[in-house]
C-alpha atoms as a PDB file:
ATOM      1  CA  MET A   1      45.165  43.082  -3.859  1.00  0.00           C
ATOM      2  CA  THR A   2      45.760  40.016  -5.950  1.00  0.00           C
ATOM      3  CA  ILE A   3      43.515  36.927  -5.701  1.00  0.00           C
ATOM      4  CA  GLY A   4      45.224  33.614  -6.275  1.00  0.00           C
ATOM      5  CA  SER A   5      43.625  30.687  -8.076  1.00  0.00           C
ATOM      6  CA  LYS A   6      43.027  28.803  -4.792  1.00  0.00           C
ATOM      7  CA  GLN A   7      41.285  31.824  -3.279  1.00  0.00           C
ATOM      8  CA  LEU A   8      39.212  32.342  -6.441  1.00  0.00           C
ATOM      9  CA  ALA A   9      38.162  28.675  -6.390  1.00  0.00           C
ATOM     10  CA  GLY A  10      37.166  29.005  -2.710  1.00  0.00           C
ATOM     11  CA  ILE A  11      35.086  32.129  -3.374  1.00  0.00           C
ATOM     12  CA  ALA A  12      33.389  30.439  -6.344  1.00  0.00           C
ATOM     13  CA  ALA A  13      32.604  27.325  -4.294  1.00  0.00           C
ATOM     14  CA  ALA A  14      31.194  29.407  -1.426  1.00  0.00           C
ATOM     15  CA  THR A  15      29.057  31.465  -3.823  1.00  0.00           C
ATOM     16  CA  LEU A  16      27.705  28.358  -5.587  1.00  0.00           C
ATOM     17  CA  GLY A  17      26.973  26.700  -2.242  1.00  0.00           C
ATOM     18  CA  ALA A  18      25.051  29.751  -1.015  1.00  0.00           C
ATOM     19  CA  LEU A  19      23.067  29.915  -4.262  1.00  0.00           C
ATOM     20  CA  ALA A  20      22.247  26.195  -4.042  1.00  0.00           C
ATOM     21  CA  LEU A  21      21.004  26.553  -0.461  1.00  0.00           C
ATOM     22  CA  THR A  22      18.929  29.594  -1.410  1.00  0.00           C
ATOM     23  CA  GLY A  23      17.382  27.638  -4.281  1.00  0.00           C
ATOM     24  CA  CYS A  24      16.546  24.704  -1.992  1.00  0.00           C
ATOM     25  CA  ALA A  25      14.958  26.969   0.576  1.00  0.00           C
ATOM     26  CA  THR A  26      12.665  28.625  -1.943  1.00  0.00           C
ATOM     27  CA  MET A  27      11.870  25.752  -4.306  1.00  0.00           C
ATOM     28  CA  GLY A  28       8.163  25.054  -4.232  1.00  0.00           C
ATOM     29  CA  GLY A  29       7.565  27.823  -1.706  1.00  0.00           C
ATOM     30  CA  GLY A  30       8.085  25.556   1.316  1.00  0.00           C
ATOM     31  CA  LYS A  31       6.519  22.248   2.253  1.00  0.00           C
ATOM     32  CA  GLU A  32       4.511  20.491  -0.411  1.00  0.00           C
ATOM     33  CA  LYS A  33       1.540  18.612   1.032  1.00  0.00           C
ATOM     34  CA  LEU A  34       0.796  15.178  -0.316  1.00  0.00           C
ATOM     35  CA  PRO A  35      -2.837  14.086  -0.528  1.00  0.00           C
ATOM     36  CA  VAL A  36      -4.075  12.588   2.726  1.00  0.00           C
ATOM     37  CA  PRO A  37      -5.454   9.072   2.247  1.00  0.00           C
ATOM     38  CA  ASP A  38      -9.019   8.354   3.315  1.00  0.00           C
ATOM     39  CA  ALA A  39      -7.828   5.116   4.948  1.00  0.00           C
ATOM     40  CA  THR A  40      -4.496   3.374   5.552  1.00  0.00           C
ATOM     41  CA  ALA A  41      -3.073   0.041   6.662  1.00  0.00           C
ATOM     42  CA  GLN A  42       0.436  -0.361   8.047  1.00  0.00           C
ATOM     43  CA  LEU A  43       1.678  -3.824   7.011  1.00  0.00           C
ATOM     44  CA  HIS A  44       3.632  -6.027   9.443  1.00  0.00           C
ATOM     45  CA  ASP A  45       4.888  -9.595   9.322  1.00  0.00           C
ATOM     46  CA  ALA A  46       4.417 -12.200  12.082  1.00  0.00           C
ATOM     47  CA  ARG A  47       7.471 -10.837  13.978  1.00  0.00           C
ATOM     48  CA  GLY A  48       6.097  -7.294  13.879  1.00  0.00           C
ATOM     49  CA  ALA A  49       8.584  -6.029  11.275  1.00  0.00           C
ATOM     50  CA  ASP A  50       7.448  -3.218   8.979  1.00  0.00           C
ATOM     51  CA  ARG A  51       6.478  -4.675   5.599  1.00  0.00           C
ATOM     52  CA  GLY A  52       5.009  -1.586   3.966  1.00  0.00           C
ATOM     53  CA  ARG A  53       1.893   0.477   3.758  1.00  0.00           C
ATOM     54  CA  VAL A  54      -1.434   0.630   1.965  1.00  0.00           C
ATOM     55  CA  ASP A  55      -3.129   3.973   1.262  1.00  0.00           C
ATOM     56  CA  ILE A  56      -6.765   4.094   0.153  1.00  0.00           C
ATOM     57  CA  PHE A  57      -8.275   7.100  -1.587  1.00  0.00           C
ATOM     58  CA  LYS A  58     -11.944   7.654  -2.422  1.00  0.00           C
ATOM     59  CA  ASP A  59     -12.564   8.816  -5.969  1.00  0.00           C
ATOM     60  CA  GLY A  60     -15.617   9.394  -8.162  1.00  0.00           C
ATOM     61  CA  SER A  61     -16.028   5.736  -9.124  1.00  0.00           C
ATOM     62  CA  GLY A  62     -14.842   3.789  -6.058  1.00  0.00           C
ATOM     63  CA  LEU A  63     -11.489   3.379  -4.316  1.00  0.00           C
ATOM     64  CA  ARG A  64      -7.903   3.756  -5.440  1.00  0.00           C
ATOM     65  CA  ILE A  65      -5.459   1.600  -3.462  1.00  0.00           C
ATOM     66  CA  GLU A  66      -1.724   2.322  -3.420  1.00  0.00           C
ATOM     67  CA  VAL A  67       0.480  -0.482  -2.050  1.00  0.00           C
ATOM     68  CA  ILE A  68       4.143  -0.277  -1.046  1.00  0.00           C
ATOM     69  CA  ALA A  69       5.607  -3.609   0.130  1.00  0.00           C
ATOM     70  CA  ARG A  70       9.090  -3.744   1.732  1.00  0.00           C
ATOM     71  CA  GLY A  71      11.328  -6.637   2.652  1.00  0.00           C
ATOM     72  CA  PHE A  72       9.896  -9.219   0.269  1.00  0.00           C
ATOM     73  CA  GLU A  73      11.950 -11.530  -1.940  1.00  0.00           C
ATOM     74  CA  ALA A  74      11.434 -11.258  -5.686  1.00  0.00           C
ATOM     75  CA  GLY A  75       8.294 -13.143  -6.649  1.00  0.00           C
ATOM     76  CA  THR A  76       4.536 -13.013  -7.030  1.00  0.00           C
ATOM     77  CA  TYR A  77       2.245 -12.619  -4.028  1.00  0.00           C
ATOM     78  CA  GLY A  78      -1.513 -12.734  -3.613  1.00  0.00           C
ATOM     79  CA  MET A  79      -3.146  -9.647  -2.090  1.00  0.00           C
ATOM     80  CA  HIS A  80      -6.646  -9.444  -0.677  1.00  0.00           C
ATOM     81  CA  VAL A  81      -8.897  -7.293   1.429  1.00  0.00           C
ATOM     82  CA  HIS A  82     -10.004  -9.473   4.360  1.00  0.00           C
ATOM     83  CA  ALA A  83     -13.321  -9.177   6.186  1.00  0.00           C
ATOM     84  CA  VAL A  84     -12.194  -8.405   9.753  1.00  0.00           C
ATOM     85  CA  GLY A  85     -10.039  -5.542  11.002  1.00  0.00           C
ATOM     86  CA  GLN A  86      -7.651  -7.677  13.059  1.00  0.00           C
ATOM     87  CA  CYS A  87      -4.101  -8.853  12.408  1.00  0.00           C
ATOM     88  CA  THR A  88      -3.112 -11.231  15.193  1.00  0.00           C
ATOM     89  CA  PRO A  89       0.210 -12.975  14.458  1.00  0.00           C
ATOM     90  CA  PRO A  90       1.560 -15.391  13.614  1.00  0.00           C
ATOM     91  CA  GLY A  91      -0.995 -16.597  11.038  1.00  0.00           C
ATOM     92  CA  PHE A  92      -3.243 -13.509  10.816  1.00  0.00           C
ATOM     93  CA  THR A  93      -6.286 -15.788  10.708  1.00  0.00           C
ATOM     94  CA  SER A  94      -8.049 -13.189  12.864  1.00  0.00           C
ATOM     95  CA  ALA A  95      -8.489 -11.159   9.640  1.00  0.00           C
ATOM     96  CA  GLY A  96     -11.138 -13.686   8.628  1.00  0.00           C
ATOM     97  CA  PRO A  97     -11.968 -14.670   5.044  1.00  0.00           C
ATOM     98  CA  HIS A  98     -11.736 -12.404   2.029  1.00  0.00           C
ATOM     99  CA  TRP A  99     -14.043  -9.405   2.161  1.00  0.00           C
ATOM    100  CA  ASN A 100     -17.077 -10.533   0.173  1.00  0.00           C
ATOM    101  CA  PRO A 101     -20.197  -8.442   0.923  1.00  0.00           C
ATOM    102  CA  THR A 102     -22.183  -9.808  -2.031  1.00  0.00           C
ATOM    103  CA  GLY A 103     -21.492 -13.529  -1.478  1.00  0.00           C
ATOM    104  CA  ALA A 104     -19.729 -14.034  -4.839  1.00  0.00           C
ATOM    105  CA  GLN A 105     -17.136 -16.711  -5.508  1.00  0.00           C
ATOM    106  CA  HIS A 106     -13.408 -16.043  -5.610  1.00  0.00           C
ATOM    107  CA  GLY A 107     -11.261 -15.333  -8.621  1.00  0.00           C
ATOM    108  CA  ARG A 108     -11.089 -13.014 -11.584  1.00  0.00           C
ATOM    109  CA  ASP A 109     -10.858 -16.109 -13.826  1.00  0.00           C
ATOM    110  CA  ASN A 110     -13.671 -17.965 -12.026  1.00  0.00           C
ATOM    111  CA  PRO A 111     -16.804 -17.996 -14.220  1.00  0.00           C
ATOM    112  CA  MET A 112     -18.848 -17.542 -11.003  1.00  0.00           C
ATOM    113  CA  GLY A 113     -16.555 -14.858  -9.473  1.00  0.00           C
ATOM    114  CA  ALA A 114     -15.072 -12.454  -8.574  1.00  0.00           C
ATOM    115  CA  HIS A 115     -15.813 -10.998  -5.172  1.00  0.00           C
ATOM    116  CA  HIS A 116     -14.849  -7.545  -3.918  1.00  0.00           C
ATOM    117  CA  GLY A 117     -11.823  -8.691  -1.881  1.00  0.00           C
ATOM    118  CA  ASP A 118     -10.097 -10.134  -4.979  1.00  0.00           C
ATOM    119  CA  LEU A 119      -7.098  -8.104  -6.091  1.00  0.00           C
ATOM    120  CA  PRO A 120      -4.414  -8.618  -8.738  1.00  0.00           C
ATOM    121  CA  ASN A 121      -1.173 -10.284  -7.680  1.00  0.00           C
ATOM    122  CA  LEU A 122       1.734  -8.197  -6.440  1.00  0.00           C
ATOM    123  CA  VAL A 123       4.823  -8.819  -8.572  1.00  0.00           C
ATOM    124  CA  ILE A 124       8.143  -7.849  -7.011  1.00  0.00           C
ATOM    125  CA  GLU A 125      11.239  -7.708  -9.189  1.00  0.00           C
ATOM    126  CA  PRO A 126      14.715  -8.502  -7.780  1.00  0.00           C
ATOM    127  CA  ASP A 127      16.185  -5.779  -5.537  1.00  0.00           C
ATOM    128  CA  THR A 128      13.067  -3.602  -5.586  1.00  0.00           C
ATOM    129  CA  ILE A 129      10.280  -2.430  -3.330  1.00  0.00           C
ATOM    130  CA  GLY A 130       6.921  -3.855  -4.361  1.00  0.00           C
ATOM    131  CA  ARG A 131       4.444  -1.292  -5.651  1.00  0.00           C
ATOM    132  CA  ALA A 132       0.910  -1.618  -6.931  1.00  0.00           C
ATOM    133  CA  SER A 133      -1.820   0.821  -7.839  1.00  0.00           C
ATOM    134  CA  LEU A 134      -5.292  -0.712  -7.857  1.00  0.00           C
ATOM    135  CA  HIS A 135      -8.757   0.624  -8.578  1.00  0.00           C
ATOM    136  CA  LEU A 136     -11.890  -0.914  -7.061  1.00  0.00           C
ATOM    137  CA  VAL A 137     -14.758   0.439  -9.158  1.00  0.00           C
ATOM    138  CA  GLY A 138     -18.069   0.709  -7.329  1.00  0.00           C
ATOM    139  CA  THR A 139     -16.546  -0.077  -3.932  1.00  0.00           C
ATOM    140  CA  PRO A 140     -17.359   2.318  -1.094  1.00  0.00           C
ATOM    141  CA  LEU A 141     -15.086   2.871   1.891  1.00  0.00           C
ATOM    142  CA  SER A 142     -18.001   2.867   4.345  1.00  0.00           C
ATOM    143  CA  GLY A 143     -21.763   2.483   4.317  1.00  0.00           C
ATOM    144  CA  GLU A 144     -23.642  -0.292   2.542  1.00  0.00           C
ATOM    145  CA  ASN A 145     -21.165  -2.881   1.198  1.00  0.00           C
ATOM    146  CA  GLY A 146     -18.288  -0.684   2.384  1.00  0.00           C
ATOM    147  CA  ILE A 147     -14.899  -1.996   3.427  1.00  0.00           C
ATOM    148  CA  LEU A 148     -15.080  -0.310   6.819  1.00  0.00           C
ATOM    149  CA  ASP A 149     -18.153  -2.027   8.231  1.00  0.00           C
ATOM    150  CA  ALA A 150     -18.850  -2.831  11.908  1.00  0.00           C
ATOM    151  CA  ASP A 151     -15.881  -5.217  12.267  1.00  0.00           C
ATOM    152  CA  GLY A 152     -13.508  -3.327   9.967  1.00  0.00           C
ATOM    153  CA  ALA A 153     -11.198  -4.886   7.391  1.00  0.00           C
ATOM    154  CA  ALA A 154      -7.566  -5.855   6.885  1.00  0.00           C
ATOM    155  CA  PHE A 155      -5.181  -5.877   3.939  1.00  0.00           C
ATOM    156  CA  VAL A 156      -3.254  -9.145   3.626  1.00  0.00           C
ATOM    157  CA  ILE A 157      -0.307 -10.235   1.484  1.00  0.00           C
ATOM    158  CA  HIS A 158       0.006 -14.010   1.003  1.00  0.00           C
ATOM    159  CA  ALA A 159       3.105 -16.194   0.557  1.00  0.00           C
ATOM    160  CA  GLY A 160       2.297 -17.214  -3.018  1.00  0.00           C
ATOM    161  CA  PRO A 161       0.426 -16.029  -6.082  1.00  0.00           C
ATOM    162  CA  ASP A 162      -3.360 -16.099  -6.297  1.00  0.00           C
ATOM    163  CA  ASP A 163      -4.415 -18.519  -9.049  1.00  0.00           C
ATOM    164  CA  MET A 164      -7.439 -16.282  -9.744  1.00  0.00           C
ATOM    165  CA  LYS A 165      -9.927 -19.150  -9.761  1.00  0.00           C
ATOM    166  CA  THR A 166      -9.839 -21.391  -6.667  1.00  0.00           C
ATOM    167  CA  ASP A 167     -12.756 -20.602  -4.371  1.00  0.00           C
ATOM    168  CA  PRO A 168     -12.608 -19.312  -1.664  1.00  0.00           C
ATOM    169  CA  SER A 169      -8.943 -18.297  -1.284  1.00  0.00           C
ATOM    170  CA  GLY A 170      -7.165 -18.386  -4.642  1.00  0.00           C
ATOM    171  CA  ASN A 171      -4.757 -21.017  -3.323  1.00  0.00           C
ATOM    172  CA  SER A 172      -2.333 -18.219  -2.420  1.00  0.00           C
ATOM    173  CA  GLY A 173      -0.828 -19.787   0.682  1.00  0.00           C
ATOM    174  CA  ALA A 174      -0.060 -18.465   4.133  1.00  0.00           C
ATOM    175  CA  ARG A 175      -0.731 -14.904   5.206  1.00  0.00           C
ATOM    176  CA  VAL A 176       2.721 -13.299   5.520  1.00  0.00           C
ATOM    177  CA  ALA A 177       1.874  -9.616   6.080  1.00  0.00           C
ATOM    178  CA  CYS A 178      -1.220  -7.933   7.449  1.00  0.00           C
ATOM    179  CA  GLY A 179      -2.442  -4.434   8.205  1.00  0.00           C
ATOM    180  CA  VAL A 180      -5.694  -3.261   9.773  1.00  0.00           C
ATOM    181  CA  ILE A 181      -7.422  -0.740   7.507  1.00  0.00           C
ATOM    182  CA  GLY A 182      -8.356   2.404   9.400  1.00  0.00           C
ATOM    183  CA  VAL A 183      -9.106   6.074   8.952  1.00  0.00           C
ATOM    184  CA  PRO A 184      -6.088   8.268   9.786  1.00  0.00           C
ATOM    185  CA  ALA A 185      -6.407  10.657  12.698  1.00  0.00           C
ATOM    186  CA  ALA A 186      -7.166  14.274  11.774  1.00  0.00           C
ATOM    187  CA  GLU A 187      -4.198  16.632  12.079  1.00  0.00           C
END
């Protein structure tokens, strides 16, 4: 029996396809589990559209916050932890002021500041999803001076950049996305 070049190419393609599928099925030994955050906030805008997610992880020195922001124009946006776990549109004023358990002033550049709810600005480049990785040293998730106190907390993204000095808000403009910080349900 003679195999023609078209048949040989078909056999080779089928063999490579089967090998590729076998490799995909066994790579990593199955499902790889990502670390489960200790708290999360699903971000929405005033119309209820998905604007991203915030994952919070406890570590040995405080909290690590991972932010993914979708649907934003290129620019710089203020981000803060707010004192109340509510996000009532359209203005999200229900989230209250910045989370400030020690009564400090606002702003990393304020000689009298900064308070715990102050965060760096989120910078989004053209045609990208906004990402930030933050570390809040000495900040507990719950308990004394914890983010998740009796009335909870919210994560808010503002319309403009935080100037890092104006007390109490950083002059960062309207609240354009908000997410209530909560502990994920156990699986």
